[in-house]
């Protein structure tokens, strides 16, 4: 009886949420089965081979531990639209913007901080030019040229990426091995090799740096985040990744593990409710084979995994600037 009581105490966290025992390894079948047997709000499955080193997994978490200390000026919406919908999906609202539908792959580099920013920047340029300017902003440019953004593949500051966008501008560049823009991504999807840097960007396309009108952060108030997305497009956010998240497949994620792997940056592009559970709709940067075709949903309105605590965004310059 004492053993049963001790085991129960190990897996029950604050607010009554059941947590995985510390003995469960992040990518194990045991972790997947534990989550699915809970009948919680989401389903687990295999995204990574169980033999993948934990050091590699943690390397994908590219938000620097001190990133919370790097804040952009706070932007506050004084008026919340009366017509904010119960559900919203930027892919449907701005369906003509190709970048909104794109799932990128950060590969073996902890560059999520650059990807989340580049993705939201790309979307907003299309949105604020009414689809006239459709470009993919280069995560590679942020990764290699922003000296104040942190340690490149070893982690960076999401807010610093937006500040760099404001002050210096960012060139265009799409996926690996494409001629999309000036500086495509250097690392091949899901591979572990690379022989050298890309050649200088000369004569490929006349792609000047894309610049902004202003950049800012959004408060963690749910209505403020919704209003920002509804009015201006997807935003970048970062959150704490727990061990069970690596096995997410569908549903509305809420963590059932206390094992923190690191901070990760992503793009929030909408919200909704599934089976009575409110969620944020999020695009990840681990390719289309991860999760729900590259996307996931996470509990909304409760600052789950601190996802509502650090929201960054910006407004591009007027269309004539392009």
C-alpha atoms as a PDB file:
ATOM      1  CA  UNK A   1       0.000   0.000   0.000  1.00  0.00           C
ATOM      2  CA  UNK A   2       2.842   2.414   0.844  1.00  0.00           C
ATOM      3  CA  UNK A   3       4.403   1.795  -2.562  1.00  0.00           C
ATOM      4  CA  UNK A   4       1.147   2.666  -4.307  1.00  0.00           C
ATOM      5  CA  UNK A   5       0.815   5.884  -2.317  1.00  0.00           C
ATOM      6  CA  UNK A   6       4.391   6.914  -3.125  1.00  0.00           C
ATOM      7  CA  UNK A   7       3.892   6.233  -6.848  1.00  0.00           C
ATOM      8  CA  UNK A   8       0.699   8.271  -6.847  1.00  0.00           C
ATOM      9  CA  UNK A   9       2.485  11.204  -5.241  1.00  0.00           C
ATOM     10  CA  UNK A  10       5.201  11.035  -7.897  1.00  0.00           C
ATOM     11  CA  UNK A  11       2.822  11.542 -10.790  1.00  0.00           C
ATOM     12  CA  UNK A  12       0.317  14.039  -9.390  1.00  0.00           C
ATOM     13  CA  UNK A  13       1.316  17.683  -9.748  1.00  0.00           C
ATOM     14  CA  UNK A  14      -0.228  20.945  -8.651  1.00  0.00           C
ATOM     15  CA  UNK A  15      -3.827  21.594  -9.661  1.00  0.00           C
ATOM     16  CA  UNK A  16      -4.421  17.850  -9.885  1.00  0.00           C
ATOM     17  CA  UNK A  17      -2.735  17.321 -13.264  1.00  0.00           C
ATOM     18  CA  UNK A  18      -1.207  13.864 -13.537  1.00  0.00           C
ATOM     19  CA  UNK A  19       2.510  13.906 -14.334  1.00  0.00           C
ATOM     20  CA  UNK A  20       4.753  11.238 -15.782  1.00  0.00           C
ATOM     21  CA  UNK A  21       7.103   9.509 -13.346  1.00  0.00           C
ATOM     22  CA  UNK A  22      10.687  10.837 -13.631  1.00  0.00           C
ATOM     23  CA  UNK A  23      11.812   7.384 -14.725  1.00  0.00           C
ATOM     24  CA  UNK A  24      10.059   7.688 -18.115  1.00  0.00           C
ATOM     25  CA  UNK A  25      12.470   8.640 -20.895  1.00  0.00           C
ATOM     26  CA  UNK A  26      11.340  11.437 -23.275  1.00  0.00           C
ATOM     27  CA  UNK A  27      11.179   9.399 -26.511  1.00  0.00           C
ATOM     28  CA  UNK A  28      10.250   6.035 -25.065  1.00  0.00           C
ATOM     29  CA  UNK A  29       7.244   3.876 -25.858  1.00  0.00           C
ATOM     30  CA  UNK A  30       6.527   3.997 -22.138  1.00  0.00           C
ATOM     31  CA  UNK A  31       6.130   7.786 -22.277  1.00  0.00           C
ATOM     32  CA  UNK A  32       3.856   7.532 -25.323  1.00  0.00           C
ATOM     33  CA  UNK A  33       1.724   4.850 -23.678  1.00  0.00           C
ATOM     34  CA  UNK A  34       1.572   6.818 -20.436  1.00  0.00           C
ATOM     35  CA  UNK A  35       0.142   9.873 -22.199  1.00  0.00           C
ATOM     36  CA  UNK A  36      -2.379   7.901 -24.231  1.00  0.00           C
ATOM     37  CA  UNK A  37      -3.551   5.941 -21.200  1.00  0.00           C
ATOM     38  CA  UNK A  38      -4.352   9.202 -19.422  1.00  0.00           C
ATOM     39  CA  UNK A  39      -7.121   9.974 -21.943  1.00  0.00           C
ATOM     40  CA  UNK A  40      -6.048  13.595 -21.710  1.00  0.00           C
ATOM     41  CA  UNK A  41      -6.706  16.340 -24.280  1.00  0.00           C
ATOM     42  CA  UNK A  42      -4.064  15.134 -26.758  1.00  0.00           C
ATOM     43  CA  UNK A  43      -2.607  12.003 -28.296  1.00  0.00           C
ATOM     44  CA  UNK A  44       1.021  10.921 -28.357  1.00  0.00           C
ATOM     45  CA  UNK A  45       2.925   8.992 -31.005  1.00  0.00           C
ATOM     46  CA  UNK A  46       6.391   8.547 -32.416  1.00  0.00           C
ATOM     47  CA  UNK A  47       8.035  11.571 -34.044  1.00  0.00           C
ATOM     48  CA  UNK A  48      11.676  10.725 -33.292  1.00  0.00           C
ATOM     49  CA  UNK A  49      13.475   7.408 -33.183  1.00  0.00           C
ATOM     50  CA  UNK A  50      13.874   6.277 -29.592  1.00  0.00           C
ATOM     51  CA  UNK A  51      17.639   6.059 -30.131  1.00  0.00           C
ATOM     52  CA  UNK A  52      18.026   9.757 -30.956  1.00  0.00           C
ATOM     53  CA  UNK A  53      20.364  11.241 -28.305  1.00  0.00           C
ATOM     54  CA  UNK A  54      18.752  13.528 -25.767  1.00  0.00           C
ATOM     55  CA  UNK A  55      21.532  16.032 -26.458  1.00  0.00           C
ATOM     56  CA  UNK A  56      20.275  16.352 -30.059  1.00  0.00           C
ATOM     57  CA  UNK A  57      16.699  16.868 -28.884  1.00  0.00           C
ATOM     58  CA  UNK A  58      17.757  19.574 -26.447  1.00  0.00           C
ATOM     59  CA  UNK A  59      19.765  21.171 -29.235  1.00  0.00           C
ATOM     60  CA  UNK A  60      16.519  21.907 -31.081  1.00  0.00           C
ATOM     61  CA  UNK A  61      15.442  24.154 -28.198  1.00  0.00           C
ATOM     62  CA  UNK A  62      17.109  27.331 -29.414  1.00  0.00           C
ATOM     63  CA  UNK A  63      15.653  29.980 -27.118  1.00  0.00           C
ATOM     64  CA  UNK A  64      18.418  31.267 -24.855  1.00  0.00           C
ATOM     65  CA  UNK A  65      17.659  30.868 -21.119  1.00  0.00           C
ATOM     66  CA  UNK A  66      18.071  34.627 -20.641  1.00  0.00           C
ATOM     67  CA  UNK A  67      15.720  35.571 -23.482  1.00  0.00           C
ATOM     68  CA  UNK A  68      13.012  36.755 -21.079  1.00  0.00           C
ATOM     69  CA  UNK A  69      15.333  39.607 -20.128  1.00  0.00           C
ATOM     70  CA  UNK A  70      15.345  40.882 -23.732  1.00  0.00           C
ATOM     71  CA  UNK A  71      12.031  42.680 -24.209  1.00  0.00           C
ATOM     72  CA  UNK A  72      10.658  44.821 -26.991  1.00  0.00           C
ATOM     73  CA  UNK A  73       8.441  47.821 -26.203  1.00  0.00           C
ATOM     74  CA  UNK A  74       4.975  46.710 -25.147  1.00  0.00           C
ATOM     75  CA  UNK A  75       2.155  47.425 -27.603  1.00  0.00           C
ATOM     76  CA  UNK A  76      -1.335  47.568 -26.111  1.00  0.00           C
ATOM     77  CA  UNK A  77      -4.539  47.439 -28.142  1.00  0.00           C
ATOM     78  CA  UNK A  78      -6.841  50.023 -26.578  1.00  0.00           C
ATOM     79  CA  UNK A  79      -9.832  48.662 -28.471  1.00  0.00           C
ATOM     80  CA  UNK A  80     -10.684  44.978 -28.675  1.00  0.00           C
ATOM     81  CA  UNK A  81     -12.821  44.214 -31.765  1.00  0.00           C
ATOM     82  CA  UNK A  82     -16.392  43.207 -30.982  1.00  0.00           C
ATOM     83  CA  UNK A  83     -16.268  40.726 -33.838  1.00  0.00           C
ATOM     84  CA  UNK A  84     -13.359  38.611 -32.588  1.00  0.00           C
ATOM     85  CA  UNK A  85     -14.430  35.126 -33.694  1.00  0.00           C
ATOM     86  CA  UNK A  86     -14.591  32.023 -31.514  1.00  0.00           C
ATOM     87  CA  UNK A  87     -12.056  30.435 -33.854  1.00  0.00           C
ATOM     88  CA  UNK A  88      -9.532  31.941 -36.257  1.00  0.00           C
ATOM     89  CA  UNK A  89      -7.008  30.496 -38.690  1.00  0.00           C
ATOM     90  CA  UNK A  90      -4.622  32.802 -40.539  1.00  0.00           C
ATOM     91  CA  UNK A  91      -4.312  30.208 -43.315  1.00  0.00           C
ATOM     92  CA  UNK A  92      -7.992  30.742 -44.098  1.00  0.00           C
ATOM     93  CA  UNK A  93      -8.143  34.487 -43.446  1.00  0.00           C
ATOM     94  CA  UNK A  94      -5.185  35.225 -45.749  1.00  0.00           C
ATOM     95  CA  UNK A  95      -5.277  32.127 -47.927  1.00  0.00           C
ATOM     96  CA  UNK A  96      -3.521  33.915 -50.809  1.00  0.00           C
ATOM     97  CA  UNK A  97      -0.351  34.347 -48.729  1.00  0.00           C
ATOM     98  CA  UNK A  98       1.785  31.314 -49.532  1.00  0.00           C
ATOM     99  CA  UNK A  99       4.181  31.784 -46.617  1.00  0.00           C
ATOM    100  CA  UNK A 100       1.395  31.219 -44.074  1.00  0.00           C
ATOM    101  CA  UNK A 101       0.957  27.657 -45.350  1.00  0.00           C
ATOM    102  CA  UNK A 102       4.666  26.815 -45.234  1.00  0.00           C
ATOM    103  CA  UNK A 103       6.152  24.488 -42.609  1.00  0.00           C
ATOM    104  CA  UNK A 104       9.906  24.993 -42.415  1.00  0.00           C
ATOM    105  CA  UNK A 105      12.636  22.694 -41.079  1.00  0.00           C
ATOM    106  CA  UNK A 106      15.349  24.049 -38.790  1.00  0.00           C
ATOM    107  CA  UNK A 107      17.278  20.768 -39.185  1.00  0.00           C
ATOM    108  CA  UNK A 108      20.087  20.083 -36.686  1.00  0.00           C
ATOM    109  CA  UNK A 109      20.423  23.724 -35.643  1.00  0.00           C
ATOM    110  CA  UNK A 110      18.914  25.443 -32.599  1.00  0.00           C
ATOM    111  CA  UNK A 111      17.617  28.232 -34.823  1.00  0.00           C
ATOM    112  CA  UNK A 112      13.947  28.200 -33.838  1.00  0.00           C
ATOM    113  CA  UNK A 113      14.297  31.775 -32.564  1.00  0.00           C
ATOM    114  CA  UNK A 114      15.189  32.865 -36.120  1.00  0.00           C
ATOM    115  CA  UNK A 115      12.565  30.669 -37.779  1.00  0.00           C
ATOM    116  CA  UNK A 116       9.647  31.883 -35.665  1.00  0.00           C
ATOM    117  CA  UNK A 117      10.579  35.478 -36.432  1.00  0.00           C
ATOM    118  CA  UNK A 118      11.243  34.954 -40.153  1.00  0.00           C
ATOM    119  CA  UNK A 119       7.962  33.084 -40.596  1.00  0.00           C
ATOM    120  CA  UNK A 120       5.843  35.770 -38.924  1.00  0.00           C
ATOM    121  CA  UNK A 121       7.710  38.534 -40.776  1.00  0.00           C
ATOM    122  CA  UNK A 122       7.060  36.818 -44.119  1.00  0.00           C
ATOM    123  CA  UNK A 123       3.366  36.433 -43.374  1.00  0.00           C
ATOM    124  CA  UNK A 124       2.958  40.032 -42.297  1.00  0.00           C
ATOM    125  CA  UNK A 125       4.645  41.465 -45.370  1.00  0.00           C
ATOM    126  CA  UNK A 126       2.107  39.614 -47.512  1.00  0.00           C
ATOM    127  CA  UNK A 127      -0.817  40.594 -45.288  1.00  0.00           C
ATOM    128  CA  UNK A 128       0.073  44.279 -45.081  1.00  0.00           C
ATOM    129  CA  UNK A 129       0.666  44.583 -48.832  1.00  0.00           C
ATOM    130  CA  UNK A 130      -2.633  42.837 -49.590  1.00  0.00           C
ATOM    131  CA  UNK A 131      -0.774  39.955 -51.171  1.00  0.00           C
ATOM    132  CA  UNK A 132       1.214  42.139 -53.567  1.00  0.00           C
ATOM    133  CA  UNK A 133       4.548  41.246 -51.959  1.00  0.00           C
ATOM    134  CA  UNK A 134       5.068  37.554 -51.277  1.00  0.00           C
ATOM    135  CA  UNK A 135       8.527  36.705 -49.985  1.00  0.00           C
ATOM    136  CA  UNK A 136      10.090  34.323 -47.524  1.00  0.00           C
ATOM    137  CA  UNK A 137      12.250  36.200 -45.049  1.00  0.00           C
ATOM    138  CA  UNK A 138      15.599  34.484 -44.489  1.00  0.00           C
ATOM    139  CA  UNK A 139      16.089  32.678 -41.184  1.00  0.00           C
ATOM    140  CA  UNK A 140      19.662  32.133 -42.404  1.00  0.00           C
ATOM    141  CA  UNK A 141      20.305  35.886 -42.537  1.00  0.00           C
ATOM    142  CA  UNK A 142      19.147  36.262 -38.935  1.00  0.00           C
ATOM    143  CA  UNK A 143      21.195  33.233 -37.940  1.00  0.00           C
ATOM    144  CA  UNK A 144      24.464  34.358 -39.501  1.00  0.00           C
ATOM    145  CA  UNK A 145      24.320  38.157 -39.542  1.00  0.00           C
ATOM    146  CA  UNK A 146      22.620  39.194 -36.305  1.00  0.00           C
ATOM    147  CA  UNK A 147      25.529  39.382 -33.867  1.00  0.00           C
ATOM    148  CA  UNK A 148      23.302  40.623 -31.053  1.00  0.00           C
ATOM    149  CA  UNK A 149      20.815  37.765 -31.408  1.00  0.00           C
ATOM    150  CA  UNK A 150      22.775  35.228 -29.368  1.00  0.00           C
ATOM    151  CA  UNK A 151      24.748  32.140 -30.303  1.00  0.00           C
ATOM    152  CA  UNK A 152      23.341  31.163 -33.688  1.00  0.00           C
ATOM    153  CA  UNK A 153      22.669  27.421 -33.720  1.00  0.00           C
ATOM    154  CA  UNK A 154      23.422  27.331 -30.005  1.00  0.00           C
ATOM    155  CA  UNK A 155      20.430  29.484 -29.154  1.00  0.00           C
ATOM    156  CA  UNK A 156      19.286  33.067 -29.481  1.00  0.00           C
ATOM    157  CA  UNK A 157      16.913  35.807 -28.378  1.00  0.00           C
ATOM    158  CA  UNK A 158      13.623  35.984 -30.334  1.00  0.00           C
ATOM    159  CA  UNK A 159      13.102  39.650 -29.460  1.00  0.00           C
ATOM    160  CA  UNK A 160      16.593  40.497 -30.730  1.00  0.00           C
ATOM    161  CA  UNK A 161      15.678  39.038 -34.126  1.00  0.00           C
ATOM    162  CA  UNK A 162      12.817  41.526 -34.388  1.00  0.00           C
ATOM    163  CA  UNK A 163      15.053  44.375 -33.256  1.00  0.00           C
ATOM    164  CA  UNK A 164      17.550  43.426 -35.984  1.00  0.00           C
ATOM    165  CA  UNK A 165      14.691  43.397 -38.503  1.00  0.00           C
ATOM    166  CA  UNK A 166      13.794  46.914 -37.397  1.00  0.00           C
ATOM    167  CA  UNK A 167      17.286  48.412 -37.421  1.00  0.00           C
ATOM    168  CA  UNK A 168      19.127  46.513 -40.156  1.00  0.00           C
ATOM    169  CA  UNK A 169      16.519  44.746 -42.267  1.00  0.00           C
ATOM    170  CA  UNK A 170      16.566  41.080 -43.288  1.00  0.00           C
ATOM    171  CA  UNK A 171      17.073  39.635 -46.765  1.00  0.00           C
ATOM    172  CA  UNK A 172      14.794  37.062 -48.365  1.00  0.00           C
ATOM    173  CA  UNK A 173      15.533  33.360 -48.426  1.00  0.00           C
ATOM    174  CA  UNK A 174      13.490  30.171 -48.459  1.00  0.00           C
ATOM    175  CA  UNK A 175      14.068  26.498 -47.794  1.00  0.00           C
ATOM    176  CA  UNK A 176      17.296  24.559 -48.176  1.00  0.00           C
ATOM    177  CA  UNK A 177      18.494  23.859 -51.733  1.00  0.00           C
ATOM    178  CA  UNK A 178      16.079  26.324 -53.327  1.00  0.00           C
ATOM    179  CA  UNK A 179      16.762  29.519 -55.259  1.00  0.00           C
ATOM    180  CA  UNK A 180      14.033  31.284 -53.296  1.00  0.00           C
ATOM    181  CA  UNK A 181      15.386  34.722 -52.493  1.00  0.00           C
ATOM    182  CA  UNK A 182      18.882  35.826 -51.655  1.00  0.00           C
ATOM    183  CA  UNK A 183      19.897  33.595 -48.753  1.00  0.00           C
ATOM    184  CA  UNK A 184      18.093  30.234 -48.454  1.00  0.00           C
ATOM    185  CA  UNK A 185      18.568  28.079 -45.380  1.00  0.00           C
ATOM    186  CA  UNK A 186      21.961  26.369 -45.203  1.00  0.00           C
ATOM    187  CA  UNK A 187      21.172  23.162 -43.304  1.00  0.00           C
ATOM    188  CA  UNK A 188      19.478  20.264 -45.146  1.00  0.00           C
ATOM    189  CA  UNK A 189      16.217  18.972 -43.662  1.00  0.00           C
ATOM    190  CA  UNK A 190      16.716  16.293 -40.991  1.00  0.00           C
ATOM    191  CA  UNK A 191      20.327  15.642 -42.007  1.00  0.00           C
ATOM    192  CA  UNK A 192      23.570  15.958 -40.065  1.00  0.00           C
ATOM    193  CA  UNK A 193      26.010  17.133 -42.691  1.00  0.00           C
ATOM    194  CA  UNK A 194      27.162  20.260 -44.473  1.00  0.00           C
ATOM    195  CA  UNK A 195      30.499  21.126 -46.049  1.00  0.00           C
ATOM    196  CA  UNK A 196      30.671  24.888 -45.934  1.00  0.00           C
ATOM    197  CA  UNK A 197      28.853  28.225 -46.032  1.00  0.00           C
ATOM    198  CA  UNK A 198      26.798  29.358 -48.986  1.00  0.00           C
ATOM    199  CA  UNK A 199      28.549  31.608 -51.511  1.00  0.00           C
ATOM    200  CA  UNK A 200      27.911  35.349 -51.322  1.00  0.00           C
ATOM    201  CA  UNK A 201      24.506  36.473 -52.537  1.00  0.00           C
ATOM    202  CA  UNK A 202      25.331  38.037 -55.904  1.00  0.00           C
ATOM    203  CA  UNK A 203      23.303  38.011 -59.070  1.00  0.00           C
ATOM    204  CA  UNK A 204      20.605  35.620 -57.879  1.00  0.00           C
ATOM    205  CA  UNK A 205      17.694  37.982 -57.518  1.00  0.00           C
ATOM    206  CA  UNK A 206      17.378  41.725 -56.925  1.00  0.00           C
ATOM    207  CA  UNK A 207      16.147  41.234 -53.369  1.00  0.00           C
ATOM    208  CA  UNK A 208      16.771  44.214 -51.085  1.00  0.00           C
ATOM    209  CA  UNK A 209      16.511  43.830 -47.366  1.00  0.00           C
ATOM    210  CA  UNK A 210      12.965  43.883 -46.073  1.00  0.00           C
ATOM    211  CA  UNK A 211      12.406  46.377 -43.310  1.00  0.00           C
ATOM    212  CA  UNK A 212       9.703  47.272 -40.841  1.00  0.00           C
ATOM    213  CA  UNK A 213       7.680  50.190 -39.627  1.00  0.00           C
ATOM    214  CA  UNK A 214       7.912  49.175 -35.961  1.00  0.00           C
ATOM    215  CA  UNK A 215       8.405  46.102 -33.776  1.00  0.00           C
ATOM    216  CA  UNK A 216       6.951  45.380 -30.354  1.00  0.00           C
ATOM    217  CA  UNK A 217       5.839  42.797 -27.815  1.00  0.00           C
ATOM    218  CA  UNK A 218       2.286  41.887 -26.802  1.00  0.00           C
ATOM    219  CA  UNK A 219       1.080  41.363 -23.237  1.00  0.00           C
ATOM    220  CA  UNK A 220       0.084  37.871 -22.136  1.00  0.00           C
ATOM    221  CA  UNK A 221      -3.569  38.908 -21.969  1.00  0.00           C
ATOM    222  CA  UNK A 222      -5.485  36.493 -24.197  1.00  0.00           C
ATOM    223  CA  UNK A 223      -7.643  39.163 -25.830  1.00  0.00           C
ATOM    224  CA  UNK A 224      -4.553  41.235 -26.662  1.00  0.00           C
ATOM    225  CA  UNK A 225      -2.865  38.298 -28.390  1.00  0.00           C
ATOM    226  CA  UNK A 226      -6.039  37.464 -30.306  1.00  0.00           C
ATOM    227  CA  UNK A 227      -6.493  41.066 -31.416  1.00  0.00           C
ATOM    228  CA  UNK A 228      -2.912  41.306 -32.631  1.00  0.00           C
ATOM    229  CA  UNK A 229      -3.221  38.151 -34.739  1.00  0.00           C
ATOM    230  CA  UNK A 230      -6.688  39.125 -36.004  1.00  0.00           C
ATOM    231  CA  UNK A 231      -5.567  42.607 -37.085  1.00  0.00           C
ATOM    232  CA  UNK A 232      -1.971  42.112 -38.173  1.00  0.00           C
ATOM    233  CA  UNK A 233      -1.219  38.421 -38.681  1.00  0.00           C
ATOM    234  CA  UNK A 234       0.721  35.598 -37.004  1.00  0.00           C
ATOM    235  CA  UNK A 235       3.086  36.323 -34.120  1.00  0.00           C
ATOM    236  CA  UNK A 236       6.236  34.714 -32.771  1.00  0.00           C
ATOM    237  CA  UNK A 237       6.103  33.172 -29.308  1.00  0.00           C
ATOM    238  CA  UNK A 238       8.335  30.930 -27.248  1.00  0.00           C
ATOM    239  CA  UNK A 239       7.554  28.380 -24.572  1.00  0.00           C
ATOM    240  CA  UNK A 240       9.116  25.829 -22.253  1.00  0.00           C
ATOM    241  CA  UNK A 241       9.314  22.368 -23.808  1.00  0.00           C
ATOM    242  CA  UNK A 242       8.644  19.384 -21.580  1.00  0.00           C
ATOM    243  CA  UNK A 243       9.710  15.823 -22.380  1.00  0.00           C
ATOM    244  CA  UNK A 244       6.249  14.643 -23.427  1.00  0.00           C
ATOM    245  CA  UNK A 245       5.892  17.365 -26.084  1.00  0.00           C
ATOM    246  CA  UNK A 246       8.338  15.542 -28.339  1.00  0.00           C
ATOM    247  CA  UNK A 247       5.700  12.831 -28.864  1.00  0.00           C
ATOM    248  CA  UNK A 248       2.756  15.138 -29.671  1.00  0.00           C
ATOM    249  CA  UNK A 249       0.539  13.934 -32.532  1.00  0.00           C
ATOM    250  CA  UNK A 250      -2.902  15.516 -32.211  1.00  0.00           C
ATOM    251  CA  UNK A 251      -5.312  17.270 -29.874  1.00  0.00           C
ATOM    252  CA  UNK A 252      -4.729  20.157 -27.468  1.00  0.00           C
ATOM    253  CA  UNK A 253      -1.364  19.830 -25.753  1.00  0.00           C
ATOM    254  CA  UNK A 254      -0.876  20.420 -22.042  1.00  0.00           C
ATOM    255  CA  UNK A 255       2.209  19.072 -20.368  1.00  0.00           C
ATOM    256  CA  UNK A 256       2.084  15.905 -18.302  1.00  0.00           C
ATOM    257  CA  UNK A 257       5.809  15.827 -17.628  1.00  0.00           C
ATOM    258  CA  UNK A 258       7.919  17.960 -15.301  1.00  0.00           C
ATOM    259  CA  UNK A 259      11.103  17.237 -17.267  1.00  0.00           C
ATOM    260  CA  UNK A 260      12.058  20.540 -18.952  1.00  0.00           C
ATOM    261  CA  UNK A 261      14.176  20.199 -22.102  1.00  0.00           C
ATOM    262  CA  UNK A 262      14.563  23.893 -22.949  1.00  0.00           C
ATOM    263  CA  UNK A 263      12.923  26.899 -24.591  1.00  0.00           C
ATOM    264  CA  UNK A 264      11.547  26.776 -28.139  1.00  0.00           C
ATOM    265  CA  UNK A 265      10.243  29.512 -30.473  1.00  0.00           C
ATOM    266  CA  UNK A 266       7.303  29.029 -32.827  1.00  0.00           C
ATOM    267  CA  UNK A 267       4.606  30.905 -34.778  1.00  0.00           C
ATOM    268  CA  UNK A 268       1.049  31.301 -33.463  1.00  0.00           C
ATOM    269  CA  UNK A 269      -1.418  31.706 -36.320  1.00  0.00           C
ATOM    270  CA  UNK A 270      -4.833  31.264 -34.756  1.00  0.00           C
ATOM    271  CA  UNK A 271      -7.060  29.885 -32.042  1.00  0.00           C
ATOM    272  CA  UNK A 272     -10.139  27.789 -31.463  1.00  0.00           C
ATOM    273  CA  UNK A 273     -11.809  25.203 -29.243  1.00  0.00           C
ATOM    274  CA  UNK A 274     -11.607  21.414 -29.553  1.00  0.00           C
ATOM    275  CA  UNK A 275     -13.923  19.214 -27.487  1.00  0.00           C
ATOM    276  CA  UNK A 276     -14.538  22.158 -25.187  1.00  0.00           C
ATOM    277  CA  UNK A 277     -10.815  22.860 -24.694  1.00  0.00           C
ATOM    278  CA  UNK A 278      -9.524  26.286 -25.865  1.00  0.00           C
ATOM    279  CA  UNK A 279      -6.292  26.255 -27.875  1.00  0.00           C
ATOM    280  CA  UNK A 280      -3.747  28.261 -29.791  1.00  0.00           C
ATOM    281  CA  UNK A 281      -2.965  27.004 -33.314  1.00  0.00           C
ATOM    282  CA  UNK A 282       0.809  26.833 -33.770  1.00  0.00           C
ATOM    283  CA  UNK A 283       3.253  26.143 -36.616  1.00  0.00           C
ATOM    284  CA  UNK A 284       6.430  24.330 -35.592  1.00  0.00           C
ATOM    285  CA  UNK A 285       9.744  24.228 -37.508  1.00  0.00           C
ATOM    286  CA  UNK A 286      10.554  20.500 -37.335  1.00  0.00           C
ATOM    287  CA  UNK A 287       9.133  19.682 -40.818  1.00  0.00           C
ATOM    288  CA  UNK A 288       5.766  18.246 -41.848  1.00  0.00           C
ATOM    289  CA  UNK A 289       6.493  14.792 -40.453  1.00  0.00           C
ATOM    290  CA  UNK A 290       6.424  16.014 -36.853  1.00  0.00           C
ATOM    291  CA  UNK A 291       3.191  16.313 -34.891  1.00  0.00           C
ATOM    292  CA  UNK A 292       0.027  17.112 -36.831  1.00  0.00           C
ATOM    293  CA  UNK A 293       1.643  17.704 -40.251  1.00  0.00           C
ATOM    294  CA  UNK A 294       4.023  20.189 -38.668  1.00  0.00           C
ATOM    295  CA  UNK A 295       1.411  21.953 -36.522  1.00  0.00           C
ATOM    296  CA  UNK A 296       0.210  21.599 -32.951  1.00  0.00           C
ATOM    297  CA  UNK A 297      -2.464  22.982 -30.666  1.00  0.00           C
ATOM    298  CA  UNK A 298      -1.726  24.067 -27.113  1.00  0.00           C
ATOM    299  CA  UNK A 299      -3.973  25.019 -24.206  1.00  0.00           C
ATOM    300  CA  UNK A 300      -5.057  28.660 -24.480  1.00  0.00           C
ATOM    301  CA  UNK A 301      -5.707  31.217 -21.759  1.00  0.00           C
ATOM    302  CA  UNK A 302      -3.707  29.475 -19.017  1.00  0.00           C
ATOM    303  CA  UNK A 303      -0.193  30.503 -20.089  1.00  0.00           C
ATOM    304  CA  UNK A 304       0.541  26.827 -20.674  1.00  0.00           C
ATOM    305  CA  UNK A 305       4.307  26.278 -20.694  1.00  0.00           C
ATOM    306  CA  UNK A 306       4.679  30.113 -20.571  1.00  0.00           C
ATOM    307  CA  UNK A 307       3.561  30.373 -24.205  1.00  0.00           C
ATOM    308  CA  UNK A 308       1.597  33.595 -23.590  1.00  0.00           C
ATOM    309  CA  UNK A 309       4.421  35.282 -21.709  1.00  0.00           C
ATOM    310  CA  UNK A 310       6.693  36.366 -24.555  1.00  0.00           C
ATOM    311  CA  UNK A 311       4.929  37.413 -27.790  1.00  0.00           C
ATOM    312  CA  UNK A 312       6.820  39.402 -30.451  1.00  0.00           C
ATOM    313  CA  UNK A 313       5.554  41.042 -33.628  1.00  0.00           C
ATOM    314  CA  UNK A 314       6.038  43.959 -35.990  1.00  0.00           C
ATOM    315  CA  UNK A 315       4.451  45.990 -38.767  1.00  0.00           C
ATOM    316  CA  UNK A 316       6.175  46.112 -42.197  1.00  0.00           C
ATOM    317  CA  UNK A 317       6.625  49.366 -44.061  1.00  0.00           C
ATOM    318  CA  UNK A 318       3.959  50.444 -46.518  1.00  0.00           C
ATOM    319  CA  UNK A 319       3.750  48.648 -49.854  1.00  0.00           C
ATOM    320  CA  UNK A 320       5.479  51.522 -51.651  1.00  0.00           C
ATOM    321  CA  UNK A 321       8.635  50.748 -49.634  1.00  0.00           C
ATOM    322  CA  UNK A 322       8.992  47.534 -51.613  1.00  0.00           C
END
